[in-house]
Amino acid sequence: MDSNTIIQIVVQVIAGVIGGQAIGAALKQAAMGQLTKILGGAVGGIGGAAILGSLLGGGGVDAAAAAGGIGSALDLKNLLGGAGGGAILTGIIGAVMNAMKK
């Protein structure tokens, strides 16, 4: 794994954490801790970017795009897929935790 691939994964994780924090702030009734929002966002960010990348052509971590450097890491698949996936997974975790409390 080269450094450009690692940069793409880091961008996906950061975007996922941002998406997870945003949905965690919006869903105040689901009392989640920071660790839950961070981990859910990070895992969801990688998964969401991979899913969006496969739908748009190519995987979430693309070897051909990895050769392009930091510019290719900041593309639509990594940023929107990461933020969306992080928000969706964190929202699901929050809903499950809220349902378990009842």
PDB file of N, CA and C in Angstrom:
ATOM      1  N   MET A   1       0.857  -1.168   0.000  1.00  0.00           N
ATOM      2  CA  MET A   1       0.000   0.000   0.000  1.00  0.00           C
ATOM      3  C   MET A   1       0.906   1.234   0.000  1.00  0.00           C
ATOM      4  N   ASP A   2       0.714   2.078  -0.996  1.00  0.00           N
ATOM      5  CA  ASP A   2       1.560   3.257  -1.086  1.00  0.00           C
ATOM      6  C   ASP A   2       0.957   4.425  -0.307  1.00  0.00           C
ATOM      7  N   SER A   3       1.716   5.495  -0.236  1.00  0.00           N
ATOM      8  CA  SER A   3       1.284   6.632   0.583  1.00  0.00           C
ATOM      9  C   SER A   3       0.056   7.333   0.013  1.00  0.00           C
ATOM     10  N   ASN A   4      -0.129   7.312  -1.300  1.00  0.00           N
ATOM     11  CA  ASN A   4      -1.308   7.953  -1.885  1.00  0.00           C
ATOM     12  C   ASN A   4      -2.594   7.210  -1.526  1.00  0.00           C
ATOM     13  N   THR A   5      -2.520   5.909  -1.434  1.00  0.00           N
ATOM     14  CA  THR A   5      -3.678   5.128  -1.013  1.00  0.00           C
ATOM     15  C   THR A   5      -4.015   5.416   0.446  1.00  0.00           C
ATOM     16  N   ILE A   6      -2.994   5.549   1.262  1.00  0.00           N
ATOM     17  CA  ILE A   6      -3.204   5.878   2.673  1.00  0.00           C
ATOM     18  C   ILE A   6      -3.833   7.262   2.801  1.00  0.00           C
ATOM     19  N   ILE A   7      -3.411   8.204   1.951  1.00  0.00           N
ATOM     20  CA  ILE A   7      -3.998   9.546   1.983  1.00  0.00           C
ATOM     21  C   ILE A   7      -5.485   9.479   1.647  1.00  0.00           C
ATOM     22  N   GLN A   8      -5.862   8.660   0.667  1.00  0.00           N
ATOM     23  CA  GLN A   8      -7.271   8.507   0.318  1.00  0.00           C
ATOM     24  C   GLN A   8      -8.074   7.942   1.483  1.00  0.00           C
ATOM     25  N   ILE A   9      -7.531   6.960   2.165  1.00  0.00           N
ATOM     26  CA  ILE A   9      -8.225   6.366   3.309  1.00  0.00           C
ATOM     27  C   ILE A   9      -8.362   7.386   4.432  1.00  0.00           C
ATOM     28  N   VAL A  10      -7.327   8.180   4.667  1.00  0.00           N
ATOM     29  CA  VAL A  10      -7.386   9.208   5.710  1.00  0.00           C
ATOM     30  C   VAL A  10      -8.457  10.240   5.370  1.00  0.00           C
ATOM     31  N   VAL A  11      -8.547  10.641   4.101  1.00  0.00           N
ATOM     32  CA  VAL A  11      -9.578  11.597   3.680  1.00  0.00           C
ATOM     33  C   VAL A  11     -10.965  10.997   3.907  1.00  0.00           C
ATOM     34  N   GLN A  12     -11.144   9.724   3.587  1.00  0.00           N
ATOM     35  CA  GLN A  12     -12.429   9.054   3.793  1.00  0.00           C
ATOM     36  C   GLN A  12     -12.787   8.994   5.271  1.00  0.00           C
ATOM     37  N   VAL A  13     -11.818   8.693   6.122  1.00  0.00           N
ATOM     38  CA  VAL A  13     -12.064   8.615   7.565  1.00  0.00           C
ATOM     39  C   VAL A  13     -12.428   9.990   8.116  1.00  0.00           C
ATOM     40  N   ILE A  14     -11.693  11.020   7.720  1.00  0.00           N
ATOM     41  CA  ILE A  14     -11.978  12.371   8.215  1.00  0.00           C
ATOM     42  C   ILE A  14     -13.358  12.827   7.750  1.00  0.00           C
ATOM     43  N   ALA A  15     -13.684  12.597   6.487  1.00  0.00           N
ATOM     44  CA  ALA A  15     -15.005  12.974   5.981  1.00  0.00           C
ATOM     45  C   ALA A  15     -16.100  12.191   6.706  1.00  0.00           C
ATOM     46  N   GLY A  16     -15.852  10.922   6.987  1.00  0.00           N
ATOM     47  CA  GLY A  16     -16.822  10.113   7.724  1.00  0.00           C
ATOM     48  C   GLY A  16     -17.032  10.599   9.145  1.00  0.00           C
ATOM     49  N   VAL A  17     -15.961  10.987   9.809  1.00  0.00           N
ATOM     50  CA  VAL A  17     -16.076  11.506  11.173  1.00  0.00           C
ATOM     51  C   VAL A  17     -16.859  12.821  11.170  1.00  0.00           C
ATOM     52  N   ILE A  18     -16.615  13.664  10.178  1.00  0.00           N
ATOM     53  CA  ILE A  18     -17.370  14.921  10.076  1.00  0.00           C
ATOM     54  C   ILE A  18     -18.846  14.628   9.853  1.00  0.00           C
ATOM     55  N   GLY A  19     -19.161  13.680   8.967  1.00  0.00           N
ATOM     56  CA  GLY A  19     -20.556  13.303   8.748  1.00  0.00           C
ATOM     57  C   GLY A  19     -21.191  12.695   9.987  1.00  0.00           C
ATOM     58  N   GLY A  20     -20.440  11.875  10.703  1.00  0.00           N
ATOM     59  CA  GLY A  20     -20.948  11.271  11.938  1.00  0.00           C
ATOM     60  C   GLY A  20     -21.205  12.305  13.017  1.00  0.00           C
ATOM     61  N   GLN A  21     -20.312  13.285  13.135  1.00  0.00           N
ATOM     62  CA  GLN A  21     -20.509  14.351  14.122  1.00  0.00           C
ATOM     63  C   GLN A  21     -21.718  15.207  13.770  1.00  0.00           C
ATOM     64  N   ALA A  22     -21.911  15.450  12.479  1.00  0.00           N
ATOM     65  CA  ALA A  22     -23.046  16.277  12.046  1.00  0.00           C
ATOM     66  C   ALA A  22     -24.371  15.596  12.351  1.00  0.00           C
ATOM     67  N   ILE A  23     -24.473  14.317  12.039  1.00  0.00           N
ATOM     68  CA  ILE A  23     -25.738  13.613  12.304  1.00  0.00           C
ATOM     69  C   ILE A  23     -25.911  13.389  13.794  1.00  0.00           C
ATOM     70  N   GLY A  24     -24.819  13.226  14.531  1.00  0.00           N
ATOM     71  CA  GLY A  24     -24.910  13.085  15.981  1.00  0.00           C
ATOM     72  C   GLY A  24     -25.428  14.350  16.643  1.00  0.00           C
ATOM     73  N   ALA A  25     -25.044  15.502  16.096  1.00  0.00           N
ATOM     74  CA  ALA A  25     -25.550  16.773  16.620  1.00  0.00           C
ATOM     75  C   ALA A  25     -27.012  16.973  16.248  1.00  0.00           C
ATOM     76  N   ALA A  26     -27.397  16.489  15.082  1.00  0.00           N
ATOM     77  CA  ALA A  26     -28.786  16.649  14.631  1.00  0.00           C
ATOM     78  C   ALA A  26     -29.731  15.717  15.384  1.00  0.00           C
ATOM     79  N   LEU A  27     -29.264  14.546  15.754  1.00  0.00           N
ATOM     80  CA  LEU A  27     -30.096  13.559  16.457  1.00  0.00           C
ATOM     81  C   LEU A  27     -29.771  13.573  17.940  1.00  0.00           C
ATOM     82  N   LYS A  28     -30.140  14.624  18.606  1.00  0.00           N
ATOM     83  CA  LYS A  28     -29.827  14.752  20.034  1.00  0.00           C
ATOM     84  C   LYS A  28     -30.548  13.717  20.889  1.00  0.00           C
ATOM     85  N   GLN A  29     -31.726  13.217  20.432  1.00  0.00           N
ATOM     86  CA  GLN A  29     -32.471  12.260  21.241  1.00  0.00           C
ATOM     87  C   GLN A  29     -31.725  10.920  21.344  1.00  0.00           C
ATOM     88  N   ALA A  30     -30.874  10.618  20.402  1.00  0.00           N
ATOM     89  CA  ALA A  30     -30.066   9.405  20.482  1.00  0.00           C
ATOM     90  C   ALA A  30     -28.778   9.768  21.210  1.00  0.00           C
ATOM     91  N   ALA A  31     -28.755   9.512  22.487  1.00  0.00           N
ATOM     92  CA  ALA A  31     -27.612   9.919  23.314  1.00  0.00           C
ATOM     93  C   ALA A  31     -26.423   9.017  23.011  1.00  0.00           C
ATOM     94  N   MET A  32     -25.559   9.489  22.129  1.00  0.00           N
ATOM     95  CA  MET A  32     -24.351   8.759  21.763  1.00  0.00           C
ATOM     96  C   MET A  32     -23.153   9.504  22.315  1.00  0.00           C
ATOM     97  N   GLY A  33     -22.157   8.754  22.713  1.00  0.00           N
ATOM     98  CA  GLY A  33     -20.924   9.374  23.156  1.00  0.00           C
ATOM     99  C   GLY A  33     -20.057   9.750  21.968  1.00  0.00           C
ATOM    100  N   GLN A  34     -19.009  10.508  22.235  1.00  0.00           N
ATOM    101  CA  GLN A  34     -18.111  10.933  21.168  1.00  0.00           C
ATOM    102  C   GLN A  34     -17.426   9.752  20.492  1.00  0.00           C
ATOM    103  N   LEU A  35     -17.036   8.756  21.273  1.00  0.00           N
ATOM    104  CA  LEU A  35     -16.357   7.599  20.692  1.00  0.00           C
ATOM    105  C   LEU A  35     -17.259   6.873  19.714  1.00  0.00           C
ATOM    106  N   THR A  36     -18.537   6.753  20.042  1.00  0.00           N
ATOM    107  CA  THR A  36     -19.485   6.097  19.149  1.00  0.00           C
ATOM    108  C   THR A  36     -19.620   6.869  17.845  1.00  0.00           C
ATOM    109  N   LYS A  37     -19.717   8.191  17.928  1.00  0.00           N
ATOM    110  CA  LYS A  37     -19.847   9.000  16.718  1.00  0.00           C
ATOM    111  C   LYS A  37     -18.573   8.964  15.873  1.00  0.00           C
ATOM    112  N   ILE A  38     -17.432   8.963  16.530  1.00  0.00           N
ATOM    113  CA  ILE A  38     -16.164   8.937  15.792  1.00  0.00           C
ATOM    114  C   ILE A  38     -15.965   7.596  15.099  1.00  0.00           C
ATOM    115  N   LEU A  39     -16.150   6.505  15.831  1.00  0.00           N
ATOM    116  CA  LEU A  39     -15.942   5.186  15.226  1.00  0.00           C
ATOM    117  C   LEU A  39     -16.978   4.876  14.151  1.00  0.00           C
ATOM    118  N   GLY A  40     -18.237   5.202  14.430  1.00  0.00           N
ATOM    119  CA  GLY A  40     -19.277   4.988  13.421  1.00  0.00           C
ATOM    120  C   GLY A  40     -19.021   5.808  12.178  1.00  0.00           C
ATOM    121  N   GLY A  41     -18.601   7.047  12.360  1.00  0.00           N
ATOM    122  CA  GLY A  41     -18.300   7.900  11.227  1.00  0.00           C
ATOM    123  C   GLY A  41     -17.101   7.422  10.430  1.00  0.00           C
ATOM    124  N   ALA A  42     -16.063   6.977  11.114  1.00  0.00           N
ATOM    125  CA  ALA A  42     -14.859   6.520  10.423  1.00  0.00           C
ATOM    126  C   ALA A  42     -15.123   5.266   9.604  1.00  0.00           C
ATOM    127  N   VAL A  43     -15.790   4.293  10.213  1.00  0.00           N
ATOM    128  CA  VAL A  43     -16.088   3.039   9.496  1.00  0.00           C
ATOM    129  C   VAL A  43     -17.072   3.307   8.358  1.00  0.00           C
ATOM    130  N   GLY A  44     -18.088   4.115   8.643  1.00  0.00           N
ATOM    131  CA  GLY A  44     -19.053   4.456   7.612  1.00  0.00           C
ATOM    132  C   GLY A  44     -18.434   5.265   6.484  1.00  0.00           C
ATOM    133  N   GLY A  45     -17.459   6.095   6.801  1.00  0.00           N
ATOM    134  CA  GLY A  45     -16.779   6.884   5.779  1.00  0.00           C
ATOM    135  C   GLY A  45     -16.030   6.027   4.784  1.00  0.00           C
ATOM    136  N   ILE A  46     -15.329   5.037   5.280  1.00  0.00           N
ATOM    137  CA  ILE A  46     -14.599   4.142   4.382  1.00  0.00           C
ATOM    138  C   ILE A  46     -15.580   3.316   3.555  1.00  0.00           C
ATOM    139  N   GLY A  47     -16.617   2.795   4.214  1.00  0.00           N
ATOM    140  CA  GLY A  47     -17.606   1.993   3.495  1.00  0.00           C
ATOM    141  C   GLY A  47     -18.402   2.804   2.493  1.00  0.00           C
ATOM    142  N   GLY A  48     -18.812   4.004   2.878  1.00  0.00           N
ATOM    143  CA  GLY A  48     -19.588   4.850   1.977  1.00  0.00           C
ATOM    144  C   GLY A  48     -18.786   5.271   0.757  1.00  0.00           C
ATOM    145  N   ALA A  49     -17.517   5.580   0.948  1.00  0.00           N
ATOM    146  CA  ALA A  49     -16.670   5.949  -0.184  1.00  0.00           C
ATOM    147  C   ALA A  49     -16.451   4.759  -1.115  1.00  0.00           C
ATOM    148  N   ALA A  50     -16.323   3.571  -0.541  1.00  0.00           N
ATOM    149  CA  ALA A  50     -16.149   2.384  -1.371  1.00  0.00           C
ATOM    150  C   ALA A  50     -17.412   2.096  -2.177  1.00  0.00           C
ATOM    151  N   ILE A  51     -18.576   2.237  -1.547  1.00  0.00           N
ATOM    152  CA  ILE A  51     -19.838   1.989  -2.253  1.00  0.00           C
ATOM    153  C   ILE A  51     -20.045   3.028  -3.349  1.00  0.00           C
ATOM    154  N   LEU A  52     -19.867   4.305  -3.020  1.00  0.00           N
ATOM    155  CA  LEU A  52     -20.039   5.352  -4.026  1.00  0.00           C
ATOM    156  C   LEU A  52     -19.019   5.200  -5.148  1.00  0.00           C
ATOM    157  N   GLY A  53     -17.807   4.834  -4.786  1.00  0.00           N
ATOM    158  CA  GLY A  53     -16.779   4.621  -5.801  1.00  0.00           C
ATOM    159  C   GLY A  53     -17.125   3.490  -6.745  1.00  0.00           C
ATOM    160  N   SER A  54     -17.708   2.422  -6.224  1.00  0.00           N
ATOM    161  CA  SER A  54     -18.086   1.315  -7.101  1.00  0.00           C
ATOM    162  C   SER A  54     -19.281   1.673  -7.973  1.00  0.00           C
ATOM    163  N   LEU A  55     -20.176   2.530  -7.469  1.00  0.00           N
ATOM    164  CA  LEU A  55     -21.313   2.965  -8.278  1.00  0.00           C
ATOM    165  C   LEU A  55     -20.889   3.927  -9.385  1.00  0.00           C
ATOM    166  N   LEU A  56     -19.903   4.771  -9.103  1.00  0.00           N
ATOM    167  CA  LEU A  56     -19.441   5.747 -10.085  1.00  0.00           C
ATOM    168  C   LEU A  56     -18.329   5.207 -10.969  1.00  0.00           C
ATOM    169  N   GLY A  57     -17.877   4.006 -10.697  1.00  0.00           N
ATOM    170  CA  GLY A  57     -16.788   3.421 -11.479  1.00  0.00           C
ATOM    171  C   GLY A  57     -15.494   3.446 -10.702  1.00  0.00           C
ATOM    172  N   GLY A  58     -14.950   2.309 -10.464  1.00  0.00           N
ATOM    173  CA  GLY A  58     -13.736   2.205  -9.666  1.00  0.00           C
ATOM    174  C   GLY A  58     -14.088   2.036  -8.203  1.00  0.00           C
ATOM    175  N   GLY A  59     -13.144   1.529  -7.414  1.00  0.00           N
ATOM    176  CA  GLY A  59     -13.393   1.318  -5.998  1.00  0.00           C
ATOM    177  C   GLY A  59     -13.189   2.585  -5.196  1.00  0.00           C
ATOM    178  N   GLY A  60     -13.397   2.481  -3.897  1.00  0.00           N
ATOM    179  CA  GLY A  60     -13.195   3.624  -3.017  1.00  0.00           C
ATOM    180  C   GLY A  60     -11.735   4.041  -2.980  1.00  0.00           C
ATOM    181  N   VAL A  61     -10.828   3.074  -2.989  1.00  0.00           N
ATOM    182  CA  VAL A  61      -9.398   3.346  -3.081  1.00  0.00           C
ATOM    183  C   VAL A  61      -8.968   2.822  -4.437  1.00  0.00           C
ATOM    184  N   ASP A  62      -8.671   3.722  -5.344  1.00  0.00           N
ATOM    185  CA  ASP A  62      -8.416   3.404  -6.735  1.00  0.00           C
ATOM    186  C   ASP A  62      -6.915   3.513  -6.992  1.00  0.00           C
ATOM    187  N   ALA A  63      -6.300   2.435  -7.456  1.00  0.00           N
ATOM    188  CA  ALA A  63      -4.853   2.432  -7.663  1.00  0.00           C
ATOM    189  C   ALA A  63      -4.436   3.416  -8.750  1.00  0.00           C
ATOM    190  N   ALA A  64      -5.231   3.553  -9.792  1.00  0.00           N
ATOM    191  CA  ALA A  64      -4.886   4.493 -10.868  1.00  0.00           C
ATOM    192  C   ALA A  64      -5.001   5.929 -10.384  1.00  0.00           C
ATOM    193  N   ALA A  65      -6.031   6.218  -9.586  1.00  0.00           N
ATOM    194  CA  ALA A  65      -6.194   7.569  -9.055  1.00  0.00           C
ATOM    195  C   ALA A  65      -5.183   7.854  -7.956  1.00  0.00           C
ATOM    196  N   ALA A  66      -4.711   6.813  -7.287  1.00  0.00           N
ATOM    197  CA  ALA A  66      -3.748   7.004  -6.208  1.00  0.00           C
ATOM    198  C   ALA A  66      -2.438   7.572  -6.724  1.00  0.00           C
ATOM    199  N   ALA A  67      -2.143   7.340  -7.988  1.00  0.00           N
ATOM    200  CA  ALA A  67      -0.910   7.870  -8.554  1.00  0.00           C
ATOM    201  C   ALA A  67      -0.980   9.381  -8.746  1.00  0.00           C
ATOM    202  N   GLY A  68      -2.177   9.959  -8.655  1.00  0.00           N
ATOM    203  CA  GLY A  68      -2.351  11.385  -8.875  1.00  0.00           C
ATOM    204  C   GLY A  68      -2.015  12.259  -7.691  1.00  0.00           C
ATOM    205  N   GLY A  69      -1.772  11.712  -6.520  1.00  0.00           N
ATOM    206  CA  GLY A  69      -1.400  12.500  -5.350  1.00  0.00           C
ATOM    207  C   GLY A  69      -2.594  12.994  -4.562  1.00  0.00           C
ATOM    208  N   ILE A  70      -2.405  14.077  -3.811  1.00  0.00           N
ATOM    209  CA  ILE A  70      -3.425  14.586  -2.902  1.00  0.00           C
ATOM    210  C   ILE A  70      -4.646  15.096  -3.654  1.00  0.00           C
ATOM    211  N   GLY A  71      -4.478  15.598  -4.864  1.00  0.00           N
ATOM    212  CA  GLY A  71      -5.617  16.077  -5.646  1.00  0.00           C
ATOM    213  C   GLY A  71      -6.611  14.989  -5.949  1.00  0.00           C
ATOM    214  N   SER A  72      -6.136  13.797  -6.223  1.00  0.00           N
ATOM    215  CA  SER A  72      -7.046  12.689  -6.507  1.00  0.00           C
ATOM    216  C   SER A  72      -7.689  12.151  -5.239  1.00  0.00           C
ATOM    217  N   ALA A  73      -7.086  12.392  -4.097  1.00  0.00           N
ATOM    218  CA  ALA A  73      -7.680  11.936  -2.834  1.00  0.00           C
ATOM    219  C   ALA A  73      -8.856  12.811  -2.440  1.00  0.00           C
ATOM    220  N   LEU A  74      -8.869  14.054  -2.915  1.00  0.00           N
ATOM    221  CA  LEU A  74      -9.934  14.986  -2.571  1.00  0.00           C
ATOM    222  C   LEU A  74     -10.986  15.028  -3.677  1.00  0.00           C
ATOM    223  N   ASP A  75     -11.446  13.876  -4.117  1.00  0.00           N
ATOM    224  CA  ASP A  75     -12.454  13.838  -5.169  1.00  0.00           C
ATOM    225  C   ASP A  75     -13.828  13.542  -4.589  1.00  0.00           C
ATOM    226  N   LEU A  76     -14.826  13.523  -5.453  1.00  0.00           N
ATOM    227  CA  LEU A  76     -16.221  13.367  -5.054  1.00  0.00           C
ATOM    228  C   LEU A  76     -16.460  12.052  -4.312  1.00  0.00           C
ATOM    229  N   LYS A  77     -15.855  10.983  -4.789  1.00  0.00           N
ATOM    230  CA  LYS A  77     -16.079   9.672  -4.166  1.00  0.00           C
ATOM    231  C   LYS A  77     -15.606   9.657  -2.720  1.00  0.00           C
ATOM    232  N   ASN A  78     -14.448  10.221  -2.483  1.00  0.00           N
ATOM    233  CA  ASN A  78     -13.879  10.172  -1.138  1.00  0.00           C
ATOM    234  C   ASN A  78     -14.569  11.134  -0.177  1.00  0.00           C
ATOM    235  N   LEU A  79     -14.860  12.341  -0.641  1.00  0.00           N
ATOM    236  CA  LEU A  79     -15.437  13.342   0.248  1.00  0.00           C
ATOM    237  C   LEU A  79     -16.924  13.103   0.505  1.00  0.00           C
ATOM    238  N   LEU A  80     -17.724  13.037  -0.552  1.00  0.00           N
ATOM    239  CA  LEU A  80     -19.166  12.859  -0.364  1.00  0.00           C
ATOM    240  C   LEU A  80     -19.507  11.447   0.097  1.00  0.00           C
ATOM    241  N   GLY A  81     -18.829  10.466  -0.456  1.00  0.00           N
ATOM    242  CA  GLY A  81     -19.068   9.090  -0.010  1.00  0.00           C
ATOM    243  C   GLY A  81     -18.672   8.894   1.437  1.00  0.00           C
ATOM    244  N   GLY A  82     -17.565   9.504   1.832  1.00  0.00           N
ATOM    245  CA  GLY A  82     -17.120   9.404   3.222  1.00  0.00           C
ATOM    246  C   GLY A  82     -18.060  10.097   4.181  1.00  0.00           C
ATOM    247  N   ALA A  83     -18.443  11.326   3.857  1.00  0.00           N
ATOM    248  CA  ALA A  83     -19.349  12.071   4.744  1.00  0.00           C
ATOM    249  C   ALA A  83     -20.725  11.423   4.794  1.00  0.00           C
ATOM    250  N   GLY A  84     -21.236  11.020   3.647  1.00  0.00           N
ATOM    251  CA  GLY A  84     -22.556  10.375   3.610  1.00  0.00           C
ATOM    252  C   GLY A  84     -22.566   9.036   4.320  1.00  0.00           C
ATOM    253  N   GLY A  85     -21.551   8.231   4.069  1.00  0.00           N
ATOM    254  CA  GLY A  85     -21.472   6.931   4.736  1.00  0.00           C
ATOM    255  C   GLY A  85     -21.311   7.059   6.235  1.00  0.00           C
ATOM    256  N   GLY A  86     -20.499   8.025   6.663  1.00  0.00           N
ATOM    257  CA  GLY A  86     -20.328   8.262   8.100  1.00  0.00           C
ATOM    258  C   GLY A  86     -21.610   8.716   8.758  1.00  0.00           C
ATOM    259  N   ALA A  87     -22.346   9.593   8.083  1.00  0.00           N
ATOM    260  CA  ALA A  87     -23.616  10.074   8.630  1.00  0.00           C
ATOM    261  C   ALA A  87     -24.649   8.960   8.687  1.00  0.00           C
ATOM    262  N   ILE A  88     -24.732   8.160   7.634  1.00  0.00           N
ATOM    263  CA  ILE A  88     -25.733   7.085   7.592  1.00  0.00           C
ATOM    264  C   ILE A  88     -25.452   6.041   8.668  1.00  0.00           C
ATOM    265  N   LEU A  89     -24.207   5.583   8.760  1.00  0.00           N
ATOM    266  CA  LEU A  89     -23.898   4.546   9.749  1.00  0.00           C
ATOM    267  C   LEU A  89     -24.060   5.074  11.171  1.00  0.00           C
ATOM    268  N   THR A  90     -23.652   6.308  11.424  1.00  0.00           N
ATOM    269  CA  THR A  90     -23.819   6.882  12.759  1.00  0.00           C
ATOM    270  C   THR A  90     -25.297   7.044  13.091  1.00  0.00           C
ATOM    271  N   GLY A  91     -26.106   7.443  12.107  1.00  0.00           N
ATOM    272  CA  GLY A  91     -27.552   7.546  12.318  1.00  0.00           C
ATOM    273  C   GLY A  91     -28.182   6.206  12.637  1.00  0.00           C
ATOM    274  N   ILE A  92     -27.736   5.160  11.950  1.00  0.00           N
ATOM    275  CA  ILE A  92     -28.247   3.809  12.232  1.00  0.00           C
ATOM    276  C   ILE A  92     -27.851   3.372  13.635  1.00  0.00           C
ATOM    277  N   ILE A  93     -26.601   3.610  14.008  1.00  0.00           N
ATOM    278  CA  ILE A  93     -26.144   3.247  15.346  1.00  0.00           C
ATOM    279  C   ILE A  93     -26.954   4.005  16.404  1.00  0.00           C
ATOM    280  N   GLY A  94     -27.182   5.303  16.155  1.00  0.00           N
ATOM    281  CA  GLY A  94     -27.969   6.109  17.104  1.00  0.00           C
ATOM    282  C   GLY A  94     -29.395   5.605  17.246  1.00  0.00           C
ATOM    283  N   ALA A  95     -30.003   5.223  16.126  1.00  0.00           N
ATOM    284  CA  ALA A  95     -31.368   4.703  16.168  1.00  0.00           C
ATOM    285  C   ALA A  95     -31.434   3.380  16.927  1.00  0.00           C
ATOM    286  N   VAL A  96     -30.455   2.520  16.704  1.00  0.00           N
ATOM    287  CA  VAL A  96     -30.420   1.233  17.407  1.00  0.00           C
ATOM    288  C   VAL A  96     -30.202   1.457  18.903  1.00  0.00           C
ATOM    289  N   MET A  97     -29.278   2.348  19.251  1.00  0.00           N
ATOM    290  CA  MET A  97     -29.025   2.615  20.676  1.00  0.00           C
ATOM    291  C   MET A  97     -30.250   3.226  21.338  1.00  0.00           C
ATOM    292  N   ASN A  98     -30.957   4.092  20.629  1.00  0.00           N
ATOM    293  CA  ASN A  98     -32.161   4.712  21.164  1.00  0.00           C
ATOM    294  C   ASN A  98     -33.263   3.669  21.352  1.00  0.00           C
ATOM    295  N   ALA A  99     -33.386   2.734  20.424  1.00  0.00           N
ATOM    296  CA  ALA A  99     -34.401   1.691  20.539  1.00  0.00           C
ATOM    297  C   ALA A  99     -34.075   0.717  21.668  1.00  0.00           C
ATOM    298  N   MET A 100     -32.797   0.497  21.928  1.00  0.00           N
ATOM    299  CA  MET A 100     -32.411  -0.422  22.991  1.00  0.00           C
ATOM    300  C   MET A 100     -32.672   0.165  24.377  1.00  0.00           C
ATOM    301  N   LYS A 101     -32.704   1.490  24.483  1.00  0.00           N
ATOM    302  CA  LYS A 101     -32.956   2.131  25.772  1.00  0.00           C
ATOM    303  C   LYS A 101     -34.406   2.010  26.185  1.00  0.00           C
ATOM    304  N   LYS A 102     -35.307   1.838  25.241  1.00  0.00           N
ATOM    305  CA  LYS A 102     -36.743   1.811  25.547  1.00  0.00           C
ATOM    306  C   LYS A 102     -37.198   0.480  26.058  1.00  0.00           C
TER     307      LYS A 102
END
